[in-house]
Amino acid sequence: MSQARLIRRYQRFLADVEWPDGQVETVHCPNTGAMLGCQEPGSRVWLSRATNLRRKYPLTWELVEIGSGTLVGINTQRTNKLVREALEDGLIEPLASFGEIQSEVRLATGRTRVDFVLRDADGEYFLEVKNVTAAVSDGRALFPDAVSARATRHAQELESLCRSGHRAGMLFMVQRDDVTQVRPADDIDPLYGKALRSAAAAGVDVLAYRARVTAEEITVQQPVRVAL
């Protein structure tokens, strides 16, 4: 990956960066959230180059170094791949017994897809994944970092599955290694916090794991506490 300095992020999907020689280039930002604490001008950023030569913006913003020196993975398009690899390697201990993993499965309602369906001898387990990058205080990370009706709907659908007799879980994937706790961002999206707590009360498992992020790789490390 190439390294540059962030000038600004704008229009959600775009960012301007400055190369060491002073040249400025517009790159793709693969994160629709507010990116709290992760888009400060002057921050060091790491960029990957697309193999598709026809892309309008061939460079994709992958990582940012925040003020503490911690690297944060901001590319939400990589989250499910990271989780799938962790599931296959048995790194998500509460889910390590499942022998079959299927991605992007449409629910019977037809309204939406769930990130993963896991299967074992007892049947199916529905798993939804959320990427966490939001700024932390004393090791606490927040989700979401902007109002998300979609995330609220996902929590409600998992609750509905559990109340119908299915097994289901919500997994927060924290792409930074300075976090010891994840909690719903009630000040930002109180409806999501309410939906997540209701889902947990109905039997939905709420898990969180953090990753070690370097310029070379991102690897799932260990569970962190979810504070509801």
C-alpha atoms as a PDB file:
ATOM      1  CA  MET A   1       0.000   0.000   0.000  1.00  0.00           C
ATOM      2  CA  SER A   2       0.999   3.604  -0.588  1.00  0.00           C
ATOM      3  CA  GLN A   3       1.174   6.256   2.126  1.00  0.00           C
ATOM      4  CA  ALA A   4      -0.057   9.854   1.923  1.00  0.00           C
ATOM      5  CA  ARG A   5      -1.518  12.652   4.062  1.00  0.00           C
ATOM      6  CA  LEU A   6      -5.233  13.314   4.283  1.00  0.00           C
ATOM      7  CA  ILE A   7      -6.380  16.749   3.152  1.00  0.00           C
ATOM      8  CA  ARG A   8     -10.117  16.239   3.525  1.00  0.00           C
ATOM      9  CA  ARG A   9     -12.933  13.749   3.181  1.00  0.00           C
ATOM     10  CA  TYR A  10     -16.113  14.920   1.459  1.00  0.00           C
ATOM     11  CA  GLN A  11     -19.304  13.748  -0.277  1.00  0.00           C
ATOM     12  CA  ARG A  12     -19.034  10.560   1.813  1.00  0.00           C
ATOM     13  CA  PHE A  13     -17.214   8.546  -0.854  1.00  0.00           C
ATOM     14  CA  LEU A  14     -14.334  10.885  -1.745  1.00  0.00           C
ATOM     15  CA  ALA A  15     -11.158  12.136  -0.103  1.00  0.00           C
ATOM     16  CA  ASP A  16      -8.259  14.302  -1.218  1.00  0.00           C
ATOM     17  CA  VAL A  17      -4.764  13.233  -0.208  1.00  0.00           C
ATOM     18  CA  GLU A  18      -1.331  14.767  -0.607  1.00  0.00           C
ATOM     19  CA  TRP A  19       1.652  12.715  -1.708  1.00  0.00           C
ATOM     20  CA  PRO A  20       5.158  13.288  -0.282  1.00  0.00           C
ATOM     21  CA  ASP A  21       6.079  15.249  -3.434  1.00  0.00           C
ATOM     22  CA  GLY A  22       3.194  17.681  -2.845  1.00  0.00           C
ATOM     23  CA  GLN A  23       0.860  16.374  -5.536  1.00  0.00           C
ATOM     24  CA  VAL A  24      -2.824  16.107  -4.607  1.00  0.00           C
ATOM     25  CA  GLU A  25      -5.069  13.241  -5.706  1.00  0.00           C
ATOM     26  CA  THR A  26      -8.718  12.319  -5.155  1.00  0.00           C
ATOM     27  CA  VAL A  27      -9.303   8.788  -3.855  1.00  0.00           C
ATOM     28  CA  HIS A  28     -12.296   6.573  -3.086  1.00  0.00           C
ATOM     29  CA  CYS A  29     -13.475   6.459   0.553  1.00  0.00           C
ATOM     30  CA  PRO A  30     -15.179   3.071   1.182  1.00  0.00           C
ATOM     31  CA  ASN A  31     -16.989   4.109   4.368  1.00  0.00           C
ATOM     32  CA  THR A  32     -20.452   5.690   4.522  1.00  0.00           C
ATOM     33  CA  GLY A  33     -20.324   6.534   8.243  1.00  0.00           C
ATOM     34  CA  ALA A  34     -19.354   9.757   9.967  1.00  0.00           C
ATOM     35  CA  MET A  35     -15.851   8.328  10.657  1.00  0.00           C
ATOM     36  CA  LEU A  36     -15.620  10.125  13.995  1.00  0.00           C
ATOM     37  CA  GLY A  37     -12.010  10.657  14.959  1.00  0.00           C
ATOM     38  CA  CYS A  38     -10.793   9.005  11.748  1.00  0.00           C
ATOM     39  CA  GLN A  39     -10.819  11.830   9.200  1.00  0.00           C
ATOM     40  CA  GLU A  40      -8.648  14.535  10.702  1.00  0.00           C
ATOM     41  CA  PRO A  41      -6.786  16.609   8.089  1.00  0.00           C
ATOM     42  CA  GLY A  42      -3.076  15.876   8.140  1.00  0.00           C
ATOM     43  CA  SER A  43      -3.485  12.267   9.271  1.00  0.00           C
ATOM     44  CA  ARG A  44      -1.350   9.616   7.652  1.00  0.00           C
ATOM     45  CA  VAL A  45      -3.411   7.349   5.413  1.00  0.00           C
ATOM     46  CA  TRP A  46      -2.692   4.168   3.481  1.00  0.00           C
ATOM     47  CA  LEU A  47      -4.114   3.524   0.034  1.00  0.00           C
ATOM     48  CA  SER A  48      -4.537   0.460  -2.167  1.00  0.00           C
ATOM     49  CA  ARG A  49      -4.615   0.515  -5.958  1.00  0.00           C
ATOM     50  CA  ALA A  50      -7.465  -1.158  -7.828  1.00  0.00           C
ATOM     51  CA  THR A  51      -6.717  -3.766 -10.464  1.00  0.00           C
ATOM     52  CA  ASN A  52      -9.615  -2.414 -12.537  1.00  0.00           C
ATOM     53  CA  LEU A  53      -7.910   0.179 -14.721  1.00  0.00           C
ATOM     54  CA  ARG A  54     -11.267   1.664 -15.773  1.00  0.00           C
ATOM     55  CA  ARG A  55     -12.147   2.936 -12.309  1.00  0.00           C
ATOM     56  CA  LYS A  56     -12.530   6.698 -12.101  1.00  0.00           C
ATOM     57  CA  TYR A  57     -10.615   6.784  -8.798  1.00  0.00           C
ATOM     58  CA  PRO A  58      -8.067   3.957  -8.894  1.00  0.00           C
ATOM     59  CA  LEU A  59      -6.909   4.439  -5.283  1.00  0.00           C
ATOM     60  CA  THR A  60      -8.927   3.299  -2.241  1.00  0.00           C
ATOM     61  CA  TRP A  61      -8.419   4.636   1.265  1.00  0.00           C
ATOM     62  CA  GLU A  62      -7.747   1.646   3.546  1.00  0.00           C
ATOM     63  CA  LEU A  63      -6.156   2.801   6.829  1.00  0.00           C
ATOM     64  CA  VAL A  64      -5.693   5.946   8.887  1.00  0.00           C
ATOM     65  CA  GLU A  65      -3.336   6.704  11.751  1.00  0.00           C
ATOM     66  CA  ILE A  66      -5.136   8.555  14.544  1.00  0.00           C
ATOM     67  CA  GLY A  67      -3.518  10.903  17.059  1.00  0.00           C
ATOM     68  CA  SER A  68      -2.465   8.144  19.462  1.00  0.00           C
ATOM     69  CA  GLY A  69      -0.529   6.392  16.708  1.00  0.00           C
ATOM     70  CA  THR A  70      -3.120   3.618  16.386  1.00  0.00           C
ATOM     71  CA  LEU A  71      -3.945   2.391  12.888  1.00  0.00           C
ATOM     72  CA  VAL A  72      -7.650   2.054  12.068  1.00  0.00           C
ATOM     73  CA  GLY A  73      -9.088   0.065   9.172  1.00  0.00           C
ATOM     74  CA  ILE A  74     -11.782   2.233   7.590  1.00  0.00           C
ATOM     75  CA  ASN A  75     -12.703   0.081   4.574  1.00  0.00           C
ATOM     76  CA  THR A  76     -16.073  -1.414   5.529  1.00  0.00           C
ATOM     77  CA  GLN A  77     -16.047  -3.485   2.339  1.00  0.00           C
ATOM     78  CA  ARG A  78     -13.349  -5.678   3.895  1.00  0.00           C
ATOM     79  CA  THR A  79     -15.197  -6.356   7.155  1.00  0.00           C
ATOM     80  CA  ASN A  80     -17.156  -9.443   6.133  1.00  0.00           C
ATOM     81  CA  LYS A  81     -14.116 -11.008   4.485  1.00  0.00           C
ATOM     82  CA  LEU A  82     -12.180 -10.462   7.716  1.00  0.00           C
ATOM     83  CA  VAL A  83     -14.972 -12.065   9.760  1.00  0.00           C
ATOM     84  CA  ARG A  84     -15.355 -15.000   7.378  1.00  0.00           C
ATOM     85  CA  GLU A  85     -11.645 -15.788   7.628  1.00  0.00           C
ATOM     86  CA  ALA A  86     -11.893 -15.607  11.430  1.00  0.00           C
ATOM     87  CA  LEU A  87     -14.908 -17.941  11.418  1.00  0.00           C
ATOM     88  CA  GLU A  88     -13.128 -20.425   9.164  1.00  0.00           C
ATOM     89  CA  ASP A  89     -10.068 -20.354  11.415  1.00  0.00           C
ATOM     90  CA  GLY A  90     -12.162 -20.819  14.573  1.00  0.00           C
ATOM     91  CA  LEU A  91     -11.073 -17.464  16.021  1.00  0.00           C
ATOM     92  CA  ILE A  92     -14.608 -16.429  17.020  1.00  0.00           C
ATOM     93  CA  GLU A  93     -14.763 -18.875  19.921  1.00  0.00           C
ATOM     94  CA  PRO A  94     -18.539 -18.803  20.624  1.00  0.00           C
ATOM     95  CA  LEU A  95     -19.141 -19.671  16.952  1.00  0.00           C
ATOM     96  CA  ALA A  96     -16.247 -22.080  16.413  1.00  0.00           C
ATOM     97  CA  SER A  97     -18.425 -25.213  16.361  1.00  0.00           C
ATOM     98  CA  PHE A  98     -20.245 -24.335  13.138  1.00  0.00           C
ATOM     99  CA  GLY A  99     -19.002 -26.378  10.204  1.00  0.00           C
ATOM    100  CA  GLU A 100     -20.757 -24.585   7.348  1.00  0.00           C
ATOM    101  CA  ILE A 101     -20.629 -20.894   6.509  1.00  0.00           C
ATOM    102  CA  GLN A 102     -22.767 -19.193   3.879  1.00  0.00           C
ATOM    103  CA  SER A 103     -22.447 -15.495   3.049  1.00  0.00           C
ATOM    104  CA  GLU A 104     -25.083 -12.945   2.041  1.00  0.00           C
ATOM    105  CA  VAL A 105     -28.205 -15.053   2.461  1.00  0.00           C
ATOM    106  CA  ARG A 106     -31.642 -13.595   1.745  1.00  0.00           C
ATOM    107  CA  LEU A 107     -34.066 -14.058   4.622  1.00  0.00           C
ATOM    108  CA  ALA A 108     -37.357 -15.831   4.068  1.00  0.00           C
ATOM    109  CA  THR A 109     -39.149 -12.484   4.344  1.00  0.00           C
ATOM    110  CA  GLY A 110     -37.322 -11.427   1.175  1.00  0.00           C
ATOM    111  CA  ARG A 111     -36.792  -7.933   2.556  1.00  0.00           C
ATOM    112  CA  THR A 112     -33.100  -8.134   3.267  1.00  0.00           C
ATOM    113  CA  ARG A 113     -30.009 -10.310   3.403  1.00  0.00           C
ATOM    114  CA  VAL A 114     -28.153 -11.478   6.486  1.00  0.00           C
ATOM    115  CA  ASP A 115     -24.359 -11.366   6.405  1.00  0.00           C
ATOM    116  CA  PHE A 116     -23.845 -15.036   7.319  1.00  0.00           C
ATOM    117  CA  VAL A 117     -25.811 -18.193   7.934  1.00  0.00           C
ATOM    118  CA  LEU A 118     -23.849 -20.748   9.957  1.00  0.00           C
ATOM    119  CA  ARG A 119     -24.926 -24.365  10.222  1.00  0.00           C
ATOM    120  CA  ASP A 120     -24.263 -27.245  12.591  1.00  0.00           C
ATOM    121  CA  ALA A 121     -26.119 -30.374  13.654  1.00  0.00           C
ATOM    122  CA  ASP A 122     -28.738 -28.253  15.433  1.00  0.00           C
ATOM    123  CA  GLY A 123     -29.562 -26.159  12.379  1.00  0.00           C
ATOM    124  CA  GLU A 124     -29.016 -22.575  11.324  1.00  0.00           C
ATOM    125  CA  TYR A 125     -27.517 -19.578  13.065  1.00  0.00           C
ATOM    126  CA  PHE A 126     -28.050 -16.109  11.578  1.00  0.00           C
ATOM    127  CA  LEU A 127     -25.188 -13.652  12.008  1.00  0.00           C
ATOM    128  CA  GLU A 128     -25.118  -9.945  11.231  1.00  0.00           C
ATOM    129  CA  VAL A 129     -21.776  -8.060  11.260  1.00  0.00           C
ATOM    130  CA  LYS A 130     -21.172  -4.389  12.008  1.00  0.00           C
ATOM    131  CA  ASN A 131     -17.903  -2.559  11.433  1.00  0.00           C
ATOM    132  CA  VAL A 132     -16.670  -0.321  14.281  1.00  0.00           C
ATOM    133  CA  THR A 133     -14.158   2.488  13.799  1.00  0.00           C
ATOM    134  CA  ALA A 134     -15.611   5.346  15.871  1.00  0.00           C
ATOM    135  CA  ALA A 135     -13.365   7.411  18.123  1.00  0.00           C
ATOM    136  CA  VAL A 136     -12.866   5.980  21.581  1.00  0.00           C
ATOM    137  CA  SER A 137     -12.455   7.348  25.081  1.00  0.00           C
ATOM    138  CA  ASP A 138     -10.719   5.194  27.691  1.00  0.00           C
ATOM    139  CA  GLY A 139     -10.897   2.195  25.373  1.00  0.00           C
ATOM    140  CA  ARG A 140     -14.613   2.553  24.624  1.00  0.00           C
ATOM    141  CA  ALA A 141     -15.812   2.368  21.027  1.00  0.00           C
ATOM    142  CA  LEU A 142     -19.223   3.365  19.741  1.00  0.00           C
ATOM    143  CA  PHE A 143     -21.633   2.094  17.110  1.00  0.00           C
ATOM    144  CA  PRO A 144     -23.094   3.552  15.004  1.00  0.00           C
ATOM    145  CA  ASP A 145     -21.240   6.802  14.356  1.00  0.00           C
ATOM    146  CA  ALA A 146     -24.232   8.231  12.459  1.00  0.00           C
ATOM    147  CA  VAL A 147     -27.959   7.542  12.528  1.00  0.00           C
ATOM    148  CA  SER A 148     -28.533   4.204  10.797  1.00  0.00           C
ATOM    149  CA  ALA A 149     -32.071   3.038  10.094  1.00  0.00           C
ATOM    150  CA  ARG A 150     -30.517   0.047   8.318  1.00  0.00           C
ATOM    151  CA  ALA A 151     -28.627  -1.081  11.428  1.00  0.00           C
ATOM    152  CA  THR A 152     -31.784  -0.694  13.517  1.00  0.00           C
ATOM    153  CA  ARG A 153     -33.732  -2.797  11.030  1.00  0.00           C
ATOM    154  CA  HIS A 154     -31.080  -5.516  11.175  1.00  0.00           C
ATOM    155  CA  ALA A 155     -31.302  -5.670  14.979  1.00  0.00           C
ATOM    156  CA  GLN A 156     -35.084  -5.932  14.754  1.00  0.00           C
ATOM    157  CA  GLU A 157     -34.885  -8.709  12.166  1.00  0.00           C
ATOM    158  CA  LEU A 158     -32.490 -10.708  14.328  1.00  0.00           C
ATOM    159  CA  GLU A 159     -34.872 -10.287  17.247  1.00  0.00           C
ATOM    160  CA  SER A 160     -37.743 -11.529  15.091  1.00  0.00           C
ATOM    161  CA  LEU A 161     -35.702 -14.581  14.116  1.00  0.00           C
ATOM    162  CA  CYS A 162     -34.981 -15.394  17.760  1.00  0.00           C
ATOM    163  CA  ARG A 163     -38.607 -14.976  18.753  1.00  0.00           C
ATOM    164  CA  SER A 164     -39.479 -17.410  15.954  1.00  0.00           C
ATOM    165  CA  GLY A 165     -37.225 -20.047  17.473  1.00  0.00           C
ATOM    166  CA  HIS A 166     -34.038 -19.466  15.488  1.00  0.00           C
ATOM    167  CA  ARG A 167     -30.536 -18.727  16.775  1.00  0.00           C
ATOM    168  CA  ALA A 168     -29.015 -15.374  15.863  1.00  0.00           C
ATOM    169  CA  GLY A 169     -26.175 -13.045  16.737  1.00  0.00           C
ATOM    170  CA  MET A 170     -24.778  -9.565  16.180  1.00  0.00           C
ATOM    171  CA  LEU A 171     -20.996  -9.308  15.841  1.00  0.00           C
ATOM    172  CA  PHE A 172     -19.181  -5.984  16.131  1.00  0.00           C
ATOM    173  CA  MET A 173     -15.882  -6.118  14.259  1.00  0.00           C
ATOM    174  CA  VAL A 174     -13.568  -3.427  15.660  1.00  0.00           C
ATOM    175  CA  GLN A 175     -10.860  -2.537  13.149  1.00  0.00           C
ATOM    176  CA  ARG A 176      -8.478  -1.057  15.731  1.00  0.00           C
ATOM    177  CA  ASP A 177      -6.585  -2.595  18.651  1.00  0.00           C
ATOM    178  CA  ASP A 178      -6.979   0.128  21.309  1.00  0.00           C
ATOM    179  CA  VAL A 179     -10.528  -0.887  22.278  1.00  0.00           C
ATOM    180  CA  THR A 180     -11.632  -2.814  25.370  1.00  0.00           C
ATOM    181  CA  GLN A 181     -15.369  -2.160  25.167  1.00  0.00           C
ATOM    182  CA  VAL A 182     -18.074  -1.532  22.553  1.00  0.00           C
ATOM    183  CA  ARG A 183     -21.355   0.161  23.368  1.00  0.00           C
ATOM    184  CA  PRO A 184     -24.333   1.505  21.409  1.00  0.00           C
ATOM    185  CA  ALA A 185     -23.987   5.198  20.619  1.00  0.00           C
ATOM    186  CA  ASP A 186     -27.211   6.320  22.295  1.00  0.00           C
ATOM    187  CA  ASP A 187     -26.390  10.008  21.924  1.00  0.00           C
ATOM    188  CA  ILE A 188     -26.087   9.551  18.155  1.00  0.00           C
ATOM    189  CA  ASP A 189     -28.803   6.979  17.407  1.00  0.00           C
ATOM    190  CA  PRO A 190     -31.016   6.168  20.413  1.00  0.00           C
ATOM    191  CA  LEU A 191     -33.342   4.018  18.283  1.00  0.00           C
ATOM    192  CA  TYR A 192     -30.483   1.673  17.463  1.00  0.00           C
ATOM    193  CA  GLY A 193     -29.495   1.330  21.121  1.00  0.00           C
ATOM    194  CA  LYS A 194     -33.087   0.506  21.992  1.00  0.00           C
ATOM    195  CA  ALA A 195     -33.351  -2.046  19.176  1.00  0.00           C
ATOM    196  CA  LEU A 196     -30.060  -3.729  20.124  1.00  0.00           C
ATOM    197  CA  ARG A 197     -31.032  -4.067  23.790  1.00  0.00           C
ATOM    198  CA  SER A 198     -34.427  -5.444  22.820  1.00  0.00           C
ATOM    199  CA  ALA A 199     -32.770  -7.983  20.527  1.00  0.00           C
ATOM    200  CA  ALA A 200     -30.357  -9.053  23.262  1.00  0.00           C
ATOM    201  CA  ALA A 201     -33.260  -9.484  25.705  1.00  0.00           C
ATOM    202  CA  ALA A 202     -34.974 -11.716  23.132  1.00  0.00           C
ATOM    203  CA  GLY A 203     -31.930 -14.004  22.949  1.00  0.00           C
ATOM    204  CA  VAL A 204     -29.784 -12.497  20.208  1.00  0.00           C
ATOM    205  CA  ASP A 205     -26.085 -13.002  21.018  1.00  0.00           C
ATOM    206  CA  VAL A 206     -24.167  -9.712  20.988  1.00  0.00           C
ATOM    207  CA  LEU A 207     -20.436 -10.213  20.434  1.00  0.00           C
ATOM    208  CA  ALA A 208     -17.480  -7.940  19.733  1.00  0.00           C
ATOM    209  CA  TYR A 209     -13.953  -8.730  18.550  1.00  0.00           C
ATOM    210  CA  ARG A 210     -11.095  -6.407  17.836  1.00  0.00           C
ATOM    211  CA  ALA A 211      -8.438  -6.654  15.160  1.00  0.00           C
ATOM    212  CA  ARG A 212      -4.762  -5.874  15.032  1.00  0.00           C
ATOM    213  CA  VAL A 213      -4.221  -3.421  12.198  1.00  0.00           C
ATOM    214  CA  THR A 214      -0.878  -2.912  10.462  1.00  0.00           C
ATOM    215  CA  ALA A 215       0.087  -1.614   7.044  1.00  0.00           C
ATOM    216  CA  GLU A 216       0.683  -5.225   6.010  1.00  0.00           C
ATOM    217  CA  GLU A 217      -2.429  -6.990   7.326  1.00  0.00           C
ATOM    218  CA  ILE A 218      -5.521  -6.894   9.517  1.00  0.00           C
ATOM    219  CA  THR A 219      -6.054  -9.891  11.777  1.00  0.00           C
ATOM    220  CA  VAL A 220      -8.795 -10.698  14.287  1.00  0.00           C
ATOM    221  CA  GLN A 221      -7.307 -10.879  17.779  1.00  0.00           C
ATOM    222  CA  GLN A 222      -9.585 -11.214  20.794  1.00  0.00           C
ATOM    223  CA  PRO A 223     -13.066 -10.538  22.152  1.00  0.00           C
ATOM    224  CA  VAL A 224     -13.942  -7.261  23.818  1.00  0.00           C
ATOM    225  CA  ARG A 225     -16.828  -6.509  26.157  1.00  0.00           C
ATOM    226  CA  VAL A 226     -20.146  -5.238  24.858  1.00  0.00           C
ATOM    227  CA  ALA A 227     -21.727  -2.802  27.312  1.00  0.00           C
ATOM    228  CA  LEU A 228     -25.494  -2.688  26.877  1.00  0.00           C
END
